Amino acid sequence: MGAIPVKIAILVIPDASASVVYGLYDLLKSAGQDWGIITQGRPGPELIRPVLVAREKGLVEIVNNVPVRVQFSLENCPAVDIVCVPEVNLPPGEPLAGRYAEEIAWLRRRHEAGTLLAAACSGAMLFAEAGLLDGWEATTHWAWCDVLRERFPNVRVHGQRALVASGKGQRLIMAGGGTSWLDLALYLIGRTLGVETAMQVARLHLIDWHQVGQQPFARLACTRQVDEAGIARCQTWIAEHYQEPNPVNSMVRLSGLAERSFKRRFLQATGMSPLKYVHALRLEEAKQMLEATETPIEGIANEVGYEDAGYFSRLFRREVDMSPAHYRKRFGALHRSLTNRVD
């Protein structure tokens, strides 16, 4: 007898895109089976069994009036190992609590029961509404990052990262923007079935891990801060110059404000002091380098703007709750394996 398939429920909501719902379904279903077809001429074992679940069983019309046939209602959904939440295709800031109260309550119950929850793009907002992200790290689509920070100040938002594993036991997985649902699917396959199976899926579908993250797009979100144009200009500048010496002083000059006024207005606009904001950007870049490269820790410290590698390591441990070396050991192997190119 073969191994019992990993059971994954994909939550279908009216504001989800068919490309994400069906894309997740097909990519997860592909694990094991499709590689056998290509290499051996016959399907391989069923390793993942995805199901579609929604408030009600039957046909659900989602974005662009695409009909989706849902197999289970929330009430009758069987036990699953993982729940995947697609994106919420709504204008950033649209209230969700009243719109998806039943789904949010269901996610909370599933999490309490020990289920791993994963969200693509703005789907992470449902985790926040469920109270699951308080005190933890998170990411979401860059256009929703400011909303997440403002509504849920206890959440540590990392808009630069394409994927964040957070929560107790790393049971809250969030992928950032757009097609990062591909990253999410590969991560889930790698985490539950092993890196080689994830690599088979990546090779088969020619998927590259999104190493760049969301930082290049974060500047677009800054333009929404029309009442704080000077602060937004500084945020755009620091996204590209965080590694420079004395960046806070440079932002003060760029803003044209007195130092005290700048720091006060920056804190009001971003929820962080300018120095903490710089540290956050630097540490996120350091995480990416620890995951994706073999650069020595001292070299990474210098690359992101710290001359003292010891200070960098202490800061990293304080903010991330593990040393740089431990972080690399824990997350680097999967990331590097998924980024290997296949000739």
C-alpha atoms as a PDB file:
ATOM      1  CA  MET A   1       0.000   0.000   0.000  1.00  0.00           C
ATOM      2  CA  GLY A   2       1.184   3.524  -0.783  1.00  0.00           C
ATOM      3  CA  ALA A   3       1.555   6.415   1.607  1.00  0.00           C
ATOM      4  CA  ILE A   4      -1.613   8.203   2.679  1.00  0.00           C
ATOM      5  CA  PRO A   5      -1.961  11.379   0.559  1.00  0.00           C
ATOM      6  CA  VAL A   6      -1.607  14.786   2.210  1.00  0.00           C
ATOM      7  CA  LYS A   7      -5.112  16.279   2.359  1.00  0.00           C
ATOM      8  CA  ILE A   8      -5.352  19.968   1.468  1.00  0.00           C
ATOM      9  CA  ALA A   9      -8.538  22.055   1.417  1.00  0.00           C
ATOM     10  CA  ILE A  10      -8.605  25.098  -0.878  1.00  0.00           C
ATOM     11  CA  LEU A  11     -11.051  27.718   0.396  1.00  0.00           C
ATOM     12  CA  VAL A  12     -13.219  29.113  -2.419  1.00  0.00           C
ATOM     13  CA  ILE A  13     -14.596  32.617  -1.871  1.00  0.00           C
ATOM     14  CA  PRO A  14     -16.470  34.815  -4.379  1.00  0.00           C
ATOM     15  CA  ASP A  15     -13.593  37.318  -4.504  1.00  0.00           C
ATOM     16  CA  ALA A  16     -10.956  34.743  -5.498  1.00  0.00           C
ATOM     17  CA  SER A  17      -9.492  34.348  -8.984  1.00  0.00           C
ATOM     18  CA  ALA A  18      -9.918  31.096 -10.875  1.00  0.00           C
ATOM     19  CA  SER A  19      -6.233  31.148 -11.813  1.00  0.00           C
ATOM     20  CA  VAL A  20      -5.257  30.927  -8.135  1.00  0.00           C
ATOM     21  CA  VAL A  21      -7.946  28.442  -7.068  1.00  0.00           C
ATOM     22  CA  TYR A  22      -7.410  26.057  -9.969  1.00  0.00           C
ATOM     23  CA  GLY A  23      -3.697  26.792 -10.175  1.00  0.00           C
ATOM     24  CA  LEU A  24      -3.180  25.704  -6.574  1.00  0.00           C
ATOM     25  CA  TYR A  25      -5.383  22.667  -7.145  1.00  0.00           C
ATOM     26  CA  ASP A  26      -3.541  21.519 -10.272  1.00  0.00           C
ATOM     27  CA  LEU A  27      -0.035  22.200  -8.943  1.00  0.00           C
ATOM     28  CA  LEU A  28      -0.663  20.384  -5.669  1.00  0.00           C
ATOM     29  CA  LYS A  29      -2.365  17.501  -7.464  1.00  0.00           C
ATOM     30  CA  SER A  30       0.638  17.283  -9.798  1.00  0.00           C
ATOM     31  CA  ALA A  31       3.017  16.221  -7.016  1.00  0.00           C
ATOM     32  CA  GLY A  32       4.137  12.649  -7.607  1.00  0.00           C
ATOM     33  CA  GLN A  33       1.627  11.839 -10.331  1.00  0.00           C
ATOM     34  CA  ASP A  34       2.783  13.961 -13.270  1.00  0.00           C
ATOM     35  CA  TRP A  35       6.496  13.293 -12.816  1.00  0.00           C
ATOM     36  CA  GLY A  36       5.777   9.589 -13.277  1.00  0.00           C
ATOM     37  CA  ILE A  37       3.957  10.286 -16.543  1.00  0.00           C
ATOM     38  CA  ILE A  38       6.952  12.183 -17.929  1.00  0.00           C
ATOM     39  CA  THR A  39       9.731   9.874 -16.704  1.00  0.00           C
ATOM     40  CA  GLN A  40       8.061   6.445 -16.703  1.00  0.00           C
ATOM     41  CA  GLY A  41       5.090   6.783 -19.014  1.00  0.00           C
ATOM     42  CA  ARG A  42       2.536   6.178 -16.268  1.00  0.00           C
ATOM     43  CA  PRO A  43       1.142   8.247 -13.394  1.00  0.00           C
ATOM     44  CA  GLY A  44       3.073   8.191 -10.165  1.00  0.00           C
ATOM     45  CA  PRO A  45       1.489   7.838  -6.735  1.00  0.00           C
ATOM     46  CA  GLU A  46      -1.127  10.282  -5.474  1.00  0.00           C
ATOM     47  CA  LEU A  47       0.816  12.283  -2.891  1.00  0.00           C
ATOM     48  CA  ILE A  48      -1.573  15.215  -2.351  1.00  0.00           C
ATOM     49  CA  ARG A  49      -5.361  15.121  -2.426  1.00  0.00           C
ATOM     50  CA  PRO A  50      -6.765  18.666  -2.761  1.00  0.00           C
ATOM     51  CA  VAL A  51     -10.446  19.426  -2.232  1.00  0.00           C
ATOM     52  CA  LEU A  52     -12.461  22.587  -2.774  1.00  0.00           C
ATOM     53  CA  VAL A  53     -14.430  23.930   0.176  1.00  0.00           C
ATOM     54  CA  ALA A  54     -16.726  26.946   0.513  1.00  0.00           C
ATOM     55  CA  ARG A  55     -19.557  28.290   2.643  1.00  0.00           C
ATOM     56  CA  GLU A  56     -21.928  26.100   0.656  1.00  0.00           C
ATOM     57  CA  LYS A  57     -21.377  23.000  -1.465  1.00  0.00           C
ATOM     58  CA  GLY A  58     -22.136  23.198  -5.186  1.00  0.00           C
ATOM     59  CA  LEU A  59     -21.520  25.884  -7.798  1.00  0.00           C
ATOM     60  CA  VAL A  60     -19.860  29.070  -6.578  1.00  0.00           C
ATOM     61  CA  GLU A  61     -19.341  32.005  -8.928  1.00  0.00           C
ATOM     62  CA  ILE A  62     -16.017  33.743  -8.379  1.00  0.00           C
ATOM     63  CA  VAL A  63     -14.146  36.637 -10.030  1.00  0.00           C
ATOM     64  CA  ASN A  64     -15.036  37.229 -13.694  1.00  0.00           C
ATOM     65  CA  ASN A  65     -18.156  35.072 -13.222  1.00  0.00           C
ATOM     66  CA  VAL A  66     -16.198  31.833 -13.373  1.00  0.00           C
ATOM     67  CA  PRO A  67     -18.255  28.949 -11.932  1.00  0.00           C
ATOM     68  CA  VAL A  68     -16.431  26.620  -9.533  1.00  0.00           C
ATOM     69  CA  ARG A  69     -17.929  23.324  -8.384  1.00  0.00           C
ATOM     70  CA  VAL A  70     -17.218  23.063  -4.665  1.00  0.00           C
ATOM     71  CA  GLN A  71     -17.035  19.594  -3.139  1.00  0.00           C
ATOM     72  CA  PHE A  72     -17.596  20.396   0.542  1.00  0.00           C
ATOM     73  CA  SER A  73     -19.270  23.043   2.654  1.00  0.00           C
ATOM     74  CA  LEU A  74     -17.396  24.538   5.599  1.00  0.00           C
ATOM     75  CA  GLU A  75     -19.629  22.596   7.957  1.00  0.00           C
ATOM     76  CA  ASN A  76     -19.031  19.238   6.276  1.00  0.00           C
ATOM     77  CA  CYS A  77     -15.389  19.600   5.247  1.00  0.00           C
ATOM     78  CA  PRO A  78     -13.467  16.459   6.256  1.00  0.00           C
ATOM     79  CA  ALA A  79     -10.303  16.536   8.330  1.00  0.00           C
ATOM     80  CA  VAL A  80      -7.404  17.956   6.313  1.00  0.00           C
ATOM     81  CA  ASP A  81      -3.724  18.567   6.973  1.00  0.00           C
ATOM     82  CA  ILE A  82      -3.578  22.004   5.333  1.00  0.00           C
ATOM     83  CA  VAL A  83      -6.015  24.762   4.381  1.00  0.00           C
ATOM     84  CA  CYS A  84      -5.078  27.103   1.516  1.00  0.00           C
ATOM     85  CA  VAL A  85      -6.685  30.537   1.199  1.00  0.00           C
ATOM     86  CA  PRO A  86      -6.492  32.236  -2.223  1.00  0.00           C
ATOM     87  CA  GLU A  87      -6.234  35.973  -2.724  1.00  0.00           C
ATOM     88  CA  VAL A  88      -9.036  38.425  -1.937  1.00  0.00           C
ATOM     89  CA  ASN A  89      -9.520  40.288  -5.193  1.00  0.00           C
ATOM     90  CA  LEU A  90     -10.872  43.522  -3.714  1.00  0.00           C
ATOM     91  CA  PRO A  91      -9.623  47.124  -3.495  1.00  0.00           C
ATOM     92  CA  PRO A  92      -7.012  47.414  -0.703  1.00  0.00           C
ATOM     93  CA  GLY A  93      -8.692  48.352   2.549  1.00  0.00           C
ATOM     94  CA  GLU A  94     -12.096  46.855   1.751  1.00  0.00           C
ATOM     95  CA  PRO A  95     -13.591  45.570   5.050  1.00  0.00           C
ATOM     96  CA  LEU A  96     -13.512  41.775   5.239  1.00  0.00           C
ATOM     97  CA  ALA A  97     -14.765  40.855   8.715  1.00  0.00           C
ATOM     98  CA  GLY A  98     -18.455  41.226   7.894  1.00  0.00           C
ATOM     99  CA  ARG A  99     -18.028  39.929   4.369  1.00  0.00           C
ATOM    100  CA  TYR A 100     -16.348  36.669   5.395  1.00  0.00           C
ATOM    101  CA  ALA A 101     -17.335  36.149   9.021  1.00  0.00           C
ATOM    102  CA  GLU A 102     -18.144  32.443   8.534  1.00  0.00           C
ATOM    103  CA  GLU A 103     -14.892  31.729   6.707  1.00  0.00           C
ATOM    104  CA  ILE A 104     -12.844  33.629   9.314  1.00  0.00           C
ATOM    105  CA  ALA A 105     -14.465  31.711  12.165  1.00  0.00           C
ATOM    106  CA  TRP A 106     -13.839  28.421  10.320  1.00  0.00           C
ATOM    107  CA  LEU A 107     -10.164  29.273   9.816  1.00  0.00           C
ATOM    108  CA  ARG A 108      -9.851  30.057  13.510  1.00  0.00           C
ATOM    109  CA  ARG A 109     -11.349  26.687  14.439  1.00  0.00           C
ATOM    110  CA  ARG A 110      -9.100  24.839  11.999  1.00  0.00           C
ATOM    111  CA  HIS A 111      -6.032  26.559  13.385  1.00  0.00           C
ATOM    112  CA  GLU A 112      -7.034  25.711  16.952  1.00  0.00           C
ATOM    113  CA  ALA A 113      -7.367  22.076  15.862  1.00  0.00           C
ATOM    114  CA  GLY A 114      -3.727  22.075  14.658  1.00  0.00           C
ATOM    115  CA  THR A 115      -4.245  22.479  10.916  1.00  0.00           C
ATOM    116  CA  LEU A 116      -1.526  24.271   8.950  1.00  0.00           C
ATOM    117  CA  LEU A 117      -2.959  27.370   7.248  1.00  0.00           C
ATOM    118  CA  ALA A 118      -1.501  28.866   4.074  1.00  0.00           C
ATOM    119  CA  ALA A 119      -2.533  32.034   2.260  1.00  0.00           C
ATOM    120  CA  ALA A 120      -1.725  33.401  -1.161  1.00  0.00           C
ATOM    121  CA  CYS A 121      -1.429  37.126  -1.702  1.00  0.00           C
ATOM    122  CA  SER A 122      -4.087  39.193   0.141  1.00  0.00           C
ATOM    123  CA  GLY A 123      -5.662  36.028   1.570  1.00  0.00           C
ATOM    124  CA  ALA A 124      -3.445  36.638   4.614  1.00  0.00           C
ATOM    125  CA  MET A 125      -5.876  39.402   5.597  1.00  0.00           C
ATOM    126  CA  LEU A 126      -8.345  36.701   6.630  1.00  0.00           C
ATOM    127  CA  PHE A 127      -5.721  35.327   9.039  1.00  0.00           C
ATOM    128  CA  ALA A 128      -5.347  38.786  10.534  1.00  0.00           C
ATOM    129  CA  GLU A 129      -9.115  39.204  10.863  1.00  0.00           C
ATOM    130  CA  ALA A 130      -9.195  35.842  12.657  1.00  0.00           C
ATOM    131  CA  GLY A 131      -6.656  37.160  15.187  1.00  0.00           C
ATOM    132  CA  LEU A 132      -4.093  34.541  14.202  1.00  0.00           C
ATOM    133  CA  LEU A 133      -1.256  36.953  13.320  1.00  0.00           C
ATOM    134  CA  ASP A 134      -1.097  38.998  16.531  1.00  0.00           C
ATOM    135  CA  GLY A 135       2.507  39.070  17.710  1.00  0.00           C
ATOM    136  CA  TRP A 136       3.776  37.203  14.665  1.00  0.00           C
ATOM    137  CA  GLU A 137       5.486  37.995  11.365  1.00  0.00           C
ATOM    138  CA  ALA A 138       3.404  38.188   8.213  1.00  0.00           C
ATOM    139  CA  THR A 139       3.375  39.218   4.584  1.00  0.00           C
ATOM    140  CA  THR A 140       0.656  39.938   2.070  1.00  0.00           C
ATOM    141  CA  HIS A 141       0.317  41.615  -1.304  1.00  0.00           C
ATOM    142  CA  TRP A 142       2.298  44.877  -1.323  1.00  0.00           C
ATOM    143  CA  ALA A 143      -0.885  46.895  -1.933  1.00  0.00           C
ATOM    144  CA  TRP A 144      -2.388  45.539   1.328  1.00  0.00           C
ATOM    145  CA  CYS A 145       0.712  45.856   3.537  1.00  0.00           C
ATOM    146  CA  ASP A 146      -0.122  49.332   4.829  1.00  0.00           C
ATOM    147  CA  VAL A 147      -3.693  48.245   5.548  1.00  0.00           C
ATOM    148  CA  LEU A 148      -2.428  45.243   7.497  1.00  0.00           C
ATOM    149  CA  ARG A 149      -0.080  47.452   9.539  1.00  0.00           C
ATOM    150  CA  GLU A 150      -2.742  50.046  10.284  1.00  0.00           C
ATOM    151  CA  ARG A 151      -5.541  47.675  11.229  1.00  0.00           C
ATOM    152  CA  PHE A 152      -3.399  45.173  13.099  1.00  0.00           C
ATOM    153  CA  PRO A 153      -0.497  47.020  14.760  1.00  0.00           C
ATOM    154  CA  ASN A 154       0.578  43.904  16.690  1.00  0.00           C
ATOM    155  CA  VAL A 155       1.465  42.122  13.440  1.00  0.00           C
ATOM    156  CA  ARG A 156       5.065  42.413  12.206  1.00  0.00           C
ATOM    157  CA  VAL A 157       4.517  43.008   8.487  1.00  0.00           C
ATOM    158  CA  HIS A 158       7.344  42.177   6.066  1.00  0.00           C
ATOM    159  CA  GLY A 159       6.188  43.545   2.743  1.00  0.00           C
ATOM    160  CA  GLN A 160       9.575  42.889   1.129  1.00  0.00           C
ATOM    161  CA  ARG A 161       9.338  39.112   1.514  1.00  0.00           C
ATOM    162  CA  ALA A 162       7.673  36.848  -1.014  1.00  0.00           C
ATOM    163  CA  LEU A 163       6.999  34.145   1.583  1.00  0.00           C
ATOM    164  CA  VAL A 164       6.802  34.057   5.393  1.00  0.00           C
ATOM    165  CA  ALA A 165       6.424  31.019   7.657  1.00  0.00           C
ATOM    166  CA  SER A 166       5.143  32.213  11.022  1.00  0.00           C
ATOM    167  CA  GLY A 167       3.113  31.380  14.107  1.00  0.00           C
ATOM    168  CA  LYS A 168       3.538  28.610  16.637  1.00  0.00           C
ATOM    169  CA  GLY A 169       5.118  25.638  14.914  1.00  0.00           C
ATOM    170  CA  GLN A 170       5.386  27.698  11.715  1.00  0.00           C
ATOM    171  CA  ARG A 171       1.759  26.768  10.962  1.00  0.00           C
ATOM    172  CA  LEU A 172       0.893  30.073   9.278  1.00  0.00           C
ATOM    173  CA  ILE A 173       2.348  30.319   5.775  1.00  0.00           C
ATOM    174  CA  MET A 174       1.871  33.445   3.669  1.00  0.00           C
ATOM    175  CA  ALA A 175       2.973  34.199   0.123  1.00  0.00           C
ATOM    176  CA  GLY A 176       3.153  37.837  -0.985  1.00  0.00           C
ATOM    177  CA  GLY A 177       1.862  39.173  -4.258  1.00  0.00           C
ATOM    178  CA  GLY A 178       0.381  37.932  -7.503  1.00  0.00           C
ATOM    179  CA  THR A 179       1.878  34.695  -8.777  1.00  0.00           C
ATOM    180  CA  SER A 180       3.702  33.985  -5.499  1.00  0.00           C
ATOM    181  CA  TRP A 181       1.002  31.345  -5.005  1.00  0.00           C
ATOM    182  CA  LEU A 182       3.423  29.239  -7.046  1.00  0.00           C
ATOM    183  CA  ASP A 183       6.016  29.728  -4.308  1.00  0.00           C
ATOM    184  CA  LEU A 184       3.388  28.816  -1.757  1.00  0.00           C
ATOM    185  CA  ALA A 185       2.530  25.546  -3.500  1.00  0.00           C
ATOM    186  CA  LEU A 186       6.196  24.573  -3.875  1.00  0.00           C
ATOM    187  CA  TYR A 187       6.865  25.373  -0.229  1.00  0.00           C
ATOM    188  CA  LEU A 188       3.937  23.222   0.910  1.00  0.00           C
ATOM    189  CA  ILE A 189       5.035  20.350  -1.317  1.00  0.00           C
ATOM    190  CA  GLY A 190       8.613  20.619  -0.063  1.00  0.00           C
ATOM    191  CA  ARG A 191       7.549  20.868   3.569  1.00  0.00           C
ATOM    192  CA  THR A 192       5.173  17.897   3.497  1.00  0.00           C
ATOM    193  CA  LEU A 193       6.755  15.597   0.912  1.00  0.00           C
ATOM    194  CA  GLY A 194      10.390  16.652   0.716  1.00  0.00           C
ATOM    195  CA  VAL A 195      12.515  18.941  -1.416  1.00  0.00           C
ATOM    196  CA  GLU A 196      13.023  16.453  -4.249  1.00  0.00           C
ATOM    197  CA  THR A 197       9.284  16.156  -4.874  1.00  0.00           C
ATOM    198  CA  ALA A 198       8.992  19.950  -4.883  1.00  0.00           C
ATOM    199  CA  MET A 199      11.887  20.131  -7.325  1.00  0.00           C
ATOM    200  CA  GLN A 200      10.174  17.626  -9.620  1.00  0.00           C
ATOM    201  CA  VAL A 201       7.093  19.859  -9.739  1.00  0.00           C
ATOM    202  CA  ALA A 202       9.265  22.943 -10.312  1.00  0.00           C
ATOM    203  CA  ARG A 203      11.120  21.239 -13.153  1.00  0.00           C
ATOM    204  CA  LEU A 204       7.963  19.899 -14.731  1.00  0.00           C
ATOM    205  CA  HIS A 205       6.245  23.299 -14.756  1.00  0.00           C
ATOM    206  CA  LEU A 206       9.398  25.424 -15.247  1.00  0.00           C
ATOM    207  CA  ILE A 207       8.783  27.388 -12.045  1.00  0.00           C
ATOM    208  CA  ASP A 208      11.432  29.709 -10.607  1.00  0.00           C
ATOM    209  CA  TRP A 209      11.347  30.768  -6.961  1.00  0.00           C
ATOM    210  CA  HIS A 210      10.618  34.486  -6.632  1.00  0.00           C
ATOM    211  CA  GLN A 211      13.961  35.502  -5.141  1.00  0.00           C
ATOM    212  CA  VAL A 212      13.445  39.213  -5.686  1.00  0.00           C
ATOM    213  CA  GLY A 213      10.534  39.426  -3.243  1.00  0.00           C
ATOM    214  CA  GLN A 214       8.151  42.372  -3.251  1.00  0.00           C
ATOM    215  CA  GLN A 215      10.523  45.191  -2.386  1.00  0.00           C
ATOM    216  CA  PRO A 216      10.744  46.576  -5.958  1.00  0.00           C
ATOM    217  CA  PHE A 217       6.962  47.058  -5.918  1.00  0.00           C
ATOM    218  CA  ALA A 218       6.659  48.469  -2.422  1.00  0.00           C
ATOM    219  CA  ARG A 219       7.349  51.980  -3.695  1.00  0.00           C
ATOM    220  CA  LEU A 220       4.047  51.907  -5.585  1.00  0.00           C
ATOM    221  CA  ALA A 221       2.161  51.465  -2.321  1.00  0.00           C
ATOM    222  CA  CYS A 222       3.951  54.503  -0.904  1.00  0.00           C
ATOM    223  CA  THR A 223       2.291  56.759  -3.456  1.00  0.00           C
ATOM    224  CA  ARG A 224      -1.003  56.218  -1.633  1.00  0.00           C
ATOM    225  CA  GLN A 225       0.308  58.313   1.266  1.00  0.00           C
ATOM    226  CA  VAL A 226      -0.633  61.572  -0.455  1.00  0.00           C
ATOM    227  CA  ASP A 227      -0.926  63.465   2.823  1.00  0.00           C
ATOM    228  CA  GLU A 228       2.648  62.524   3.707  1.00  0.00           C
ATOM    229  CA  ALA A 229       4.407  62.930   0.385  1.00  0.00           C
ATOM    230  CA  GLY A 230       7.720  63.766   2.043  1.00  0.00           C
ATOM    231  CA  ILE A 231       7.647  60.603   4.133  1.00  0.00           C
ATOM    232  CA  ALA A 232       6.605  58.511   1.126  1.00  0.00           C
ATOM    233  CA  ARG A 233       9.554  59.939  -0.823  1.00  0.00           C
ATOM    234  CA  CYS A 234      11.863  58.872   2.004  1.00  0.00           C
ATOM    235  CA  GLN A 235      10.361  55.372   2.061  1.00  0.00           C
ATOM    236  CA  THR A 236      10.986  55.038  -1.667  1.00  0.00           C
ATOM    237  CA  TRP A 237      14.560  56.254  -1.247  1.00  0.00           C
ATOM    238  CA  ILE A 238      15.401  53.994   1.699  1.00  0.00           C
ATOM    239  CA  ALA A 239      14.080  50.905  -0.118  1.00  0.00           C
ATOM    240  CA  GLU A 240      17.052  51.279  -2.476  1.00  0.00           C
ATOM    241  CA  HIS A 241      19.637  52.839  -0.123  1.00  0.00           C
ATOM    242  CA  TYR A 242      19.130  51.097   3.237  1.00  0.00           C
ATOM    243  CA  GLN A 243      22.713  49.781   3.164  1.00  0.00           C
ATOM    244  CA  GLU A 244      24.253  53.255   3.060  1.00  0.00           C
ATOM    245  CA  PRO A 245      25.884  54.739   6.190  1.00  0.00           C
ATOM    246  CA  ASN A 246      23.741  57.112   8.290  1.00  0.00           C
ATOM    247  CA  PRO A 247      20.571  56.566   6.242  1.00  0.00           C
ATOM    248  CA  VAL A 248      18.322  58.271   8.792  1.00  0.00           C
ATOM    249  CA  ASN A 249      20.292  61.511   8.459  1.00  0.00           C
ATOM    250  CA  SER A 250      19.962  61.247   4.683  1.00  0.00           C
ATOM    251  CA  MET A 251      16.196  60.818   4.970  1.00  0.00           C
ATOM    252  CA  VAL A 252      15.957  63.845   7.247  1.00  0.00           C
ATOM    253  CA  ARG A 253      17.746  65.958   4.618  1.00  0.00           C
ATOM    254  CA  LEU A 254      15.585  64.506   1.839  1.00  0.00           C
ATOM    255  CA  SER A 255      12.387  65.296   3.747  1.00  0.00           C
ATOM    256  CA  GLY A 256      13.304  68.956   4.246  1.00  0.00           C
ATOM    257  CA  LEU A 257      11.951  68.745   7.820  1.00  0.00           C
ATOM    258  CA  ALA A 258      13.563  69.402  11.151  1.00  0.00           C
ATOM    259  CA  GLU A 259      14.902  66.148  12.608  1.00  0.00           C
ATOM    260  CA  ARG A 260      12.379  65.972  15.450  1.00  0.00           C
ATOM    261  CA  SER A 261       9.448  66.696  13.114  1.00  0.00           C
ATOM    262  CA  PHE A 262      10.669  64.129  10.595  1.00  0.00           C
ATOM    263  CA  LYS A 263      10.967  61.365  13.192  1.00  0.00           C
ATOM    264  CA  ARG A 264       7.538  62.137  14.623  1.00  0.00           C
ATOM    265  CA  ARG A 265       5.836  62.197  11.220  1.00  0.00           C
ATOM    266  CA  PHE A 266       7.697  59.090  10.021  1.00  0.00           C
ATOM    267  CA  LEU A 267       6.484  57.176  13.076  1.00  0.00           C
ATOM    268  CA  GLN A 268       2.917  58.350  12.487  1.00  0.00           C
ATOM    269  CA  ALA A 269       3.036  57.329   8.814  1.00  0.00           C
ATOM    270  CA  THR A 270       4.739  53.929   9.128  1.00  0.00           C
ATOM    271  CA  GLY A 271       4.223  52.788  12.708  1.00  0.00           C
ATOM    272  CA  MET A 272       8.006  52.545  13.172  1.00  0.00           C
ATOM    273  CA  SER A 273      10.794  54.930  14.011  1.00  0.00           C
ATOM    274  CA  PRO A 274      13.103  55.698  11.062  1.00  0.00           C
ATOM    275  CA  LEU A 275      15.937  53.648  12.602  1.00  0.00           C
ATOM    276  CA  LYS A 276      13.689  50.645  13.277  1.00  0.00           C
ATOM    277  CA  TYR A 277      12.404  50.906   9.716  1.00  0.00           C
ATOM    278  CA  VAL A 278      15.988  50.796   8.390  1.00  0.00           C
ATOM    279  CA  HIS A 279      16.801  47.801  10.576  1.00  0.00           C
ATOM    280  CA  ALA A 280      13.673  46.022   9.303  1.00  0.00           C
ATOM    281  CA  LEU A 281      14.669  46.522   5.659  1.00  0.00           C
ATOM    282  CA  ARG A 282      18.243  45.429   6.334  1.00  0.00           C
ATOM    283  CA  LEU A 283      17.231  42.308   8.226  1.00  0.00           C
ATOM    284  CA  GLU A 284      14.749  41.279   5.536  1.00  0.00           C
ATOM    285  CA  GLU A 285      17.459  41.552   2.909  1.00  0.00           C
ATOM    286  CA  ALA A 286      19.795  39.590   5.202  1.00  0.00           C
ATOM    287  CA  LYS A 287      17.171  36.831   5.453  1.00  0.00           C
ATOM    288  CA  GLN A 288      16.956  36.626   1.678  1.00  0.00           C
ATOM    289  CA  MET A 289      20.746  36.333   1.438  1.00  0.00           C
ATOM    290  CA  LEU A 290      20.917  33.711   4.187  1.00  0.00           C
ATOM    291  CA  GLU A 291      18.283  31.663   2.377  1.00  0.00           C
ATOM    292  CA  ALA A 292      19.613  32.015  -1.152  1.00  0.00           C
ATOM    293  CA  THR A 293      23.409  32.357  -0.920  1.00  0.00           C
ATOM    294  CA  GLU A 294      26.490  30.915   0.784  1.00  0.00           C
ATOM    295  CA  THR A 295      27.860  34.373   1.560  1.00  0.00           C
ATOM    296  CA  PRO A 296      29.555  34.370   4.989  1.00  0.00           C
ATOM    297  CA  ILE A 297      27.549  36.035   7.748  1.00  0.00           C
ATOM    298  CA  GLU A 298      30.164  38.780   8.104  1.00  0.00           C
ATOM    299  CA  GLY A 299      29.835  39.499   4.372  1.00  0.00           C
ATOM    300  CA  ILE A 300      26.040  39.647   4.627  1.00  0.00           C
ATOM    301  CA  ALA A 301      26.308  42.073   7.542  1.00  0.00           C
ATOM    302  CA  ASN A 302      28.511  44.357   5.435  1.00  0.00           C
ATOM    303  CA  GLU A 303      26.262  44.018   2.379  1.00  0.00           C
ATOM    304  CA  VAL A 304      23.165  45.202   4.231  1.00  0.00           C
ATOM    305  CA  GLY A 305      24.913  48.075   6.005  1.00  0.00           C
ATOM    306  CA  TYR A 306      26.489  46.796   9.241  1.00  0.00           C
ATOM    307  CA  GLU A 307      30.252  47.145   9.675  1.00  0.00           C
ATOM    308  CA  ASP A 308      30.157  45.233  12.972  1.00  0.00           C
ATOM    309  CA  ALA A 309      29.124  41.619  12.273  1.00  0.00           C
ATOM    310  CA  GLY A 310      28.744  40.974  16.008  1.00  0.00           C
ATOM    311  CA  TYR A 311      26.207  43.780  16.338  1.00  0.00           C
ATOM    312  CA  PHE A 312      24.377  42.457  13.267  1.00  0.00           C
ATOM    313  CA  SER A 313      24.175  38.950  14.779  1.00  0.00           C
ATOM    314  CA  ARG A 314      22.875  40.263  18.105  1.00  0.00           C
ATOM    315  CA  LEU A 315      20.272  42.434  16.357  1.00  0.00           C
ATOM    316  CA  PHE A 316      19.228  39.534  14.123  1.00  0.00           C
ATOM    317  CA  ARG A 317      18.815  37.203  17.102  1.00  0.00           C
ATOM    318  CA  ARG A 318      16.778  39.804  18.988  1.00  0.00           C
ATOM    319  CA  GLU A 319      14.416  40.574  16.108  1.00  0.00           C
ATOM    320  CA  VAL A 320      14.119  37.122  14.501  1.00  0.00           C
ATOM    321  CA  ASP A 321      14.481  35.023  17.648  1.00  0.00           C
ATOM    322  CA  MET A 322      17.267  32.888  16.192  1.00  0.00           C
ATOM    323  CA  SER A 323      20.868  33.410  15.128  1.00  0.00           C
ATOM    324  CA  PRO A 324      21.767  34.034  11.455  1.00  0.00           C
ATOM    325  CA  ALA A 325      23.469  30.637  11.316  1.00  0.00           C
ATOM    326  CA  HIS A 326      20.393  28.889  12.717  1.00  0.00           C
ATOM    327  CA  TYR A 327      18.139  30.775  10.293  1.00  0.00           C
ATOM    328  CA  ARG A 328      20.307  29.705   7.333  1.00  0.00           C
ATOM    329  CA  LYS A 329      20.307  26.092   8.481  1.00  0.00           C
ATOM    330  CA  ARG A 330      16.552  26.086   8.956  1.00  0.00           C
ATOM    331  CA  PHE A 331      15.394  27.841   5.811  1.00  0.00           C
ATOM    332  CA  GLY A 332      18.330  27.911   3.417  1.00  0.00           C
ATOM    333  CA  ALA A 333      18.281  24.319   2.194  1.00  0.00           C
ATOM    334  CA  LEU A 334      14.721  24.419   0.877  1.00  0.00           C
ATOM    335  CA  HIS A 335      15.144  27.838  -0.707  1.00  0.00           C
ATOM    336  CA  ARG A 336      18.377  26.939  -2.471  1.00  0.00           C
ATOM    337  CA  SER A 337      16.987  23.624  -3.671  1.00  0.00           C
ATOM    338  CA  LEU A 338      13.944  25.294  -5.177  1.00  0.00           C
ATOM    339  CA  THR A 339      16.080  27.913  -6.936  1.00  0.00           C
ATOM    340  CA  ASN A 340      18.432  25.462  -8.618  1.00  0.00           C
ATOM    341  CA  ARG A 341      18.158  25.694 -12.371  1.00  0.00           C
ATOM    342  CA  VAL A 342      17.789  22.492 -14.331  1.00  0.00           C
ATOM    343  CA  ASP A 343      19.697  22.384 -17.568  1.00  0.00           C
END
